[in-house]
Structure formats: C-alpha cells, structure tokens
C-alpha cells in the first residue's frame, strides 16, 4: 500500500526515486525498499513525506491516502 503511494507521488511530480530521496533527506535505498514493500517508513518519515507532498501541491487524493496511514 505505502509503496503504491510513493510511486503515485513520484509519477505525479515526475521525479525519480533518487530525487525523492534527496528531497526527503533519506537514502535512495530507503525509497526503493518502501516502494518494493520490503520496509515501512517510520512515523517521522511518513510525516516528512506528507509535508513534502503538501508543499509540492500533490493531488489531494494522494495526500488523503497518506494521512490515513
């Protein structure tokens, strides 16, 4: 579920895993593991992603999905 949301965010913004990792100040491998369902983000990481999405005008539907997690 979370991995799909990450993919939706990246697709909407037209950015790579590397770029998203840089924007969130985390490693590329962390983004990759989230997207592939190998790990789940911490509460802090989820909050950081949510703020990033709000600041970059990501679709409200995606933001709502993040808020539900």
N, C-alpha and C. Protein backbone atom coordinates (compact mmCIF):
# COMPACT_ATOMS: atom_id res chain seq x y z
N UNK A 1 0.83 -1.21 0.00
CA UNK A 1 0.00 0.00 0.00
C UNK A 1 0.87 1.26 0.00
N UNK A 2 1.77 1.37 0.98
CA UNK A 2 2.60 2.56 1.05
C UNK A 2 3.47 2.70 -0.19
N UNK A 3 3.98 1.57 -0.68
CA UNK A 3 4.81 1.59 -1.89
C UNK A 3 4.08 2.18 -3.08
N UNK A 4 2.80 1.84 -3.19
CA UNK A 4 2.00 2.37 -4.30
C UNK A 4 1.83 3.88 -4.18
N UNK A 5 1.67 4.36 -2.96
CA UNK A 5 1.52 5.80 -2.74
C UNK A 5 2.80 6.52 -3.13
N UNK A 6 3.94 5.96 -2.76
CA UNK A 6 5.23 6.56 -3.14
C UNK A 6 5.33 6.66 -4.66
N UNK A 7 4.96 5.59 -5.33
CA UNK A 7 5.00 5.59 -6.80
C UNK A 7 4.07 6.66 -7.38
N UNK A 8 2.88 6.79 -6.79
CA UNK A 8 1.93 7.81 -7.26
C UNK A 8 2.50 9.21 -7.09
N UNK A 9 3.12 9.46 -5.95
CA UNK A 9 3.73 10.77 -5.69
C UNK A 9 4.81 11.04 -6.74
N UNK A 10 5.68 10.08 -6.94
CA UNK A 10 6.77 10.29 -7.90
C UNK A 10 6.24 10.49 -9.32
N UNK A 11 5.23 9.71 -9.69
CA UNK A 11 4.66 9.83 -11.03
C UNK A 11 4.04 11.21 -11.23
N UNK A 12 3.27 11.64 -10.24
CA UNK A 12 2.62 12.95 -10.35
C UNK A 12 3.64 14.08 -10.47
N UNK A 13 4.72 13.99 -9.70
CA UNK A 13 5.74 15.05 -9.72
C UNK A 13 6.79 14.85 -10.81
N UNK A 14 6.78 13.69 -11.44
CA UNK A 14 7.74 13.40 -12.50
C UNK A 14 9.17 13.34 -11.99
N UNK A 15 9.35 12.70 -10.82
CA UNK A 15 10.69 12.62 -10.24
C UNK A 15 11.10 11.17 -10.03
N UNK A 16 12.40 10.97 -9.95
CA UNK A 16 12.96 9.64 -9.73
C UNK A 16 12.99 9.30 -8.24
N UNK A 17 13.29 8.05 -7.97
CA UNK A 17 13.49 7.64 -6.57
C UNK A 17 14.64 8.43 -5.96
N UNK A 18 15.68 8.65 -6.75
CA UNK A 18 16.85 9.39 -6.27
C UNK A 18 16.48 10.82 -5.89
N UNK A 19 15.68 11.47 -6.73
CA UNK A 19 15.27 12.85 -6.47
C UNK A 19 14.39 12.93 -5.23
N UNK A 20 13.44 12.00 -5.09
CA UNK A 20 12.59 11.99 -3.91
C UNK A 20 13.42 11.76 -2.64
N UNK A 21 14.35 10.84 -2.72
CA UNK A 21 15.23 10.58 -1.58
C UNK A 21 15.98 11.84 -1.18
N UNK A 22 16.49 12.55 -2.17
CA UNK A 22 17.22 13.79 -1.90
C UNK A 22 16.30 14.82 -1.24
N UNK A 23 15.09 14.96 -1.76
CA UNK A 23 14.13 15.93 -1.23
C UNK A 23 13.75 15.62 0.22
N UNK A 24 13.68 14.33 0.55
CA UNK A 24 13.29 13.92 1.91
C UNK A 24 14.49 13.74 2.83
N UNK A 25 15.69 13.91 2.26
CA UNK A 25 16.93 13.76 3.01
C UNK A 25 17.08 12.35 3.59
N UNK A 26 16.78 11.37 2.72
CA UNK A 26 16.97 9.97 3.07
C UNK A 26 17.69 9.28 1.92
N UNK A 27 18.07 8.04 2.10
CA UNK A 27 18.82 7.35 1.05
C UNK A 27 17.90 6.82 -0.05
N UNK A 28 18.49 6.68 -1.23
CA UNK A 28 17.78 6.09 -2.35
C UNK A 28 17.31 4.69 -1.99
N UNK A 29 18.17 3.92 -1.32
CA UNK A 29 17.81 2.53 -0.99
C UNK A 29 16.58 2.48 -0.08
N UNK A 30 16.42 3.47 0.77
CA UNK A 30 15.24 3.52 1.64
C UNK A 30 13.98 3.70 0.81
N UNK A 31 14.00 4.64 -0.12
CA UNK A 31 12.85 4.85 -1.02
C UNK A 31 12.56 3.57 -1.79
N UNK A 32 13.61 2.95 -2.29
CA UNK A 32 13.46 1.73 -3.07
C UNK A 32 12.82 0.62 -2.23
N UNK A 33 13.27 0.46 -1.00
CA UNK A 33 12.70 -0.58 -0.12
C UNK A 33 11.23 -0.27 0.20
N UNK A 34 10.89 1.00 0.40
CA UNK A 34 9.49 1.37 0.64
C UNK A 34 8.63 1.01 -0.57
N UNK A 35 9.09 1.41 -1.74
CA UNK A 35 8.30 1.16 -2.95
C UNK A 35 8.10 -0.32 -3.22
N UNK A 36 9.10 -1.11 -2.89
CA UNK A 36 9.02 -2.55 -3.16
C UNK A 36 8.43 -3.34 -2.00
N UNK A 37 8.00 -2.63 -0.96
CA UNK A 37 7.34 -3.28 0.16
C UNK A 37 8.24 -4.06 1.09
N UNK A 38 9.54 -3.83 1.02
CA UNK A 38 10.49 -4.54 1.89
C UNK A 38 10.54 -3.95 3.29
N UNK A 39 10.29 -2.65 3.40
CA UNK A 39 10.26 -2.00 4.71
C UNK A 39 9.14 -0.97 4.73
N UNK A 40 8.81 -0.51 5.91
CA UNK A 40 7.82 0.54 6.07
C UNK A 40 8.48 1.75 6.71
N UNK A 41 8.03 2.94 6.36
CA UNK A 41 8.63 4.15 6.92
C UNK A 41 8.24 4.35 8.38
N UNK A 42 9.09 5.05 9.08
CA UNK A 42 8.79 5.44 10.45
C UNK A 42 7.70 6.51 10.44
N UNK A 43 7.19 6.80 11.60
CA UNK A 43 6.18 7.86 11.72
C UNK A 43 6.75 9.20 11.25
N UNK A 44 7.99 9.46 11.64
CA UNK A 44 8.65 10.70 11.23
C UNK A 44 8.79 10.77 9.71
N UNK A 45 9.19 9.68 9.11
CA UNK A 45 9.36 9.66 7.65
C UNK A 45 8.02 9.87 6.95
N UNK A 46 6.96 9.27 7.46
CA UNK A 46 5.63 9.47 6.88
C UNK A 46 5.23 10.94 6.97
N UNK A 47 5.49 11.54 8.13
CA UNK A 47 5.16 12.96 8.33
C UNK A 47 5.95 13.83 7.36
N UNK A 48 7.23 13.51 7.19
CA UNK A 48 8.08 14.28 6.27
C UNK A 48 7.57 14.16 4.84
N UNK A 49 7.17 12.95 4.44
CA UNK A 49 6.63 12.74 3.10
C UNK A 49 5.33 13.51 2.93
N UNK A 50 4.47 13.48 3.94
CA UNK A 50 3.20 14.21 3.88
C UNK A 50 3.44 15.70 3.71
N UNK A 51 4.34 16.26 4.48
CA UNK A 51 4.66 17.69 4.35
C UNK A 51 5.24 18.01 2.97
N UNK A 52 6.11 17.13 2.48
CA UNK A 52 6.67 17.32 1.14
C UNK A 52 5.56 17.37 0.11
N UNK A 53 4.61 16.45 0.21
CA UNK A 53 3.51 16.39 -0.75
C UNK A 53 2.65 17.65 -0.69
N UNK A 54 2.35 18.09 0.52
CA UNK A 54 1.55 19.31 0.67
C UNK A 54 2.28 20.52 0.10
N UNK A 55 3.57 20.61 0.35
CA UNK A 55 4.36 21.75 -0.14
C UNK A 55 4.54 21.74 -1.66
N UNK A 56 4.37 20.57 -2.28
CA UNK A 56 4.56 20.46 -3.72
C UNK A 56 3.24 20.26 -4.46
N UNK A 57 2.14 20.58 -3.78
CA UNK A 57 0.80 20.54 -4.40
C UNK A 57 0.46 19.21 -5.04
N UNK A 58 0.80 18.12 -4.34
CA UNK A 58 0.42 16.79 -4.81
C UNK A 58 -1.09 16.67 -4.68
N UNK A 59 -1.68 15.91 -5.56
CA UNK A 59 -3.12 15.68 -5.59
C UNK A 59 -3.66 15.36 -4.20
N UNK A 60 -4.76 15.97 -3.84
CA UNK A 60 -5.35 15.82 -2.51
C UNK A 60 -5.73 14.37 -2.22
N UNK A 61 -6.07 13.61 -3.25
CA UNK A 61 -6.41 12.20 -3.06
C UNK A 61 -5.21 11.43 -2.52
N UNK A 62 -4.03 11.70 -3.06
CA UNK A 62 -2.81 11.05 -2.59
C UNK A 62 -2.50 11.49 -1.16
N UNK A 63 -2.66 12.77 -0.90
CA UNK A 63 -2.41 13.29 0.45
C UNK A 63 -3.36 12.63 1.45
N UNK A 64 -4.61 12.46 1.07
CA UNK A 64 -5.58 11.81 1.94
C UNK A 64 -5.17 10.37 2.25
N UNK A 65 -4.67 9.67 1.25
CA UNK A 65 -4.21 8.29 1.46
C UNK A 65 -3.07 8.27 2.47
N UNK A 66 -2.16 9.23 2.35
CA UNK A 66 -1.04 9.31 3.29
C UNK A 66 -1.52 9.60 4.71
N UNK A 67 -2.47 10.48 4.82
CA UNK A 67 -2.98 10.85 6.14
C UNK A 67 -3.68 9.68 6.83
N UNK A 68 -4.23 8.77 6.05
CA UNK A 68 -4.92 7.62 6.61
C UNK A 68 -3.97 6.56 7.17
N UNK A 69 -2.72 6.58 6.71
CA UNK A 69 -1.75 5.57 7.17
C UNK A 69 -1.23 5.84 8.54
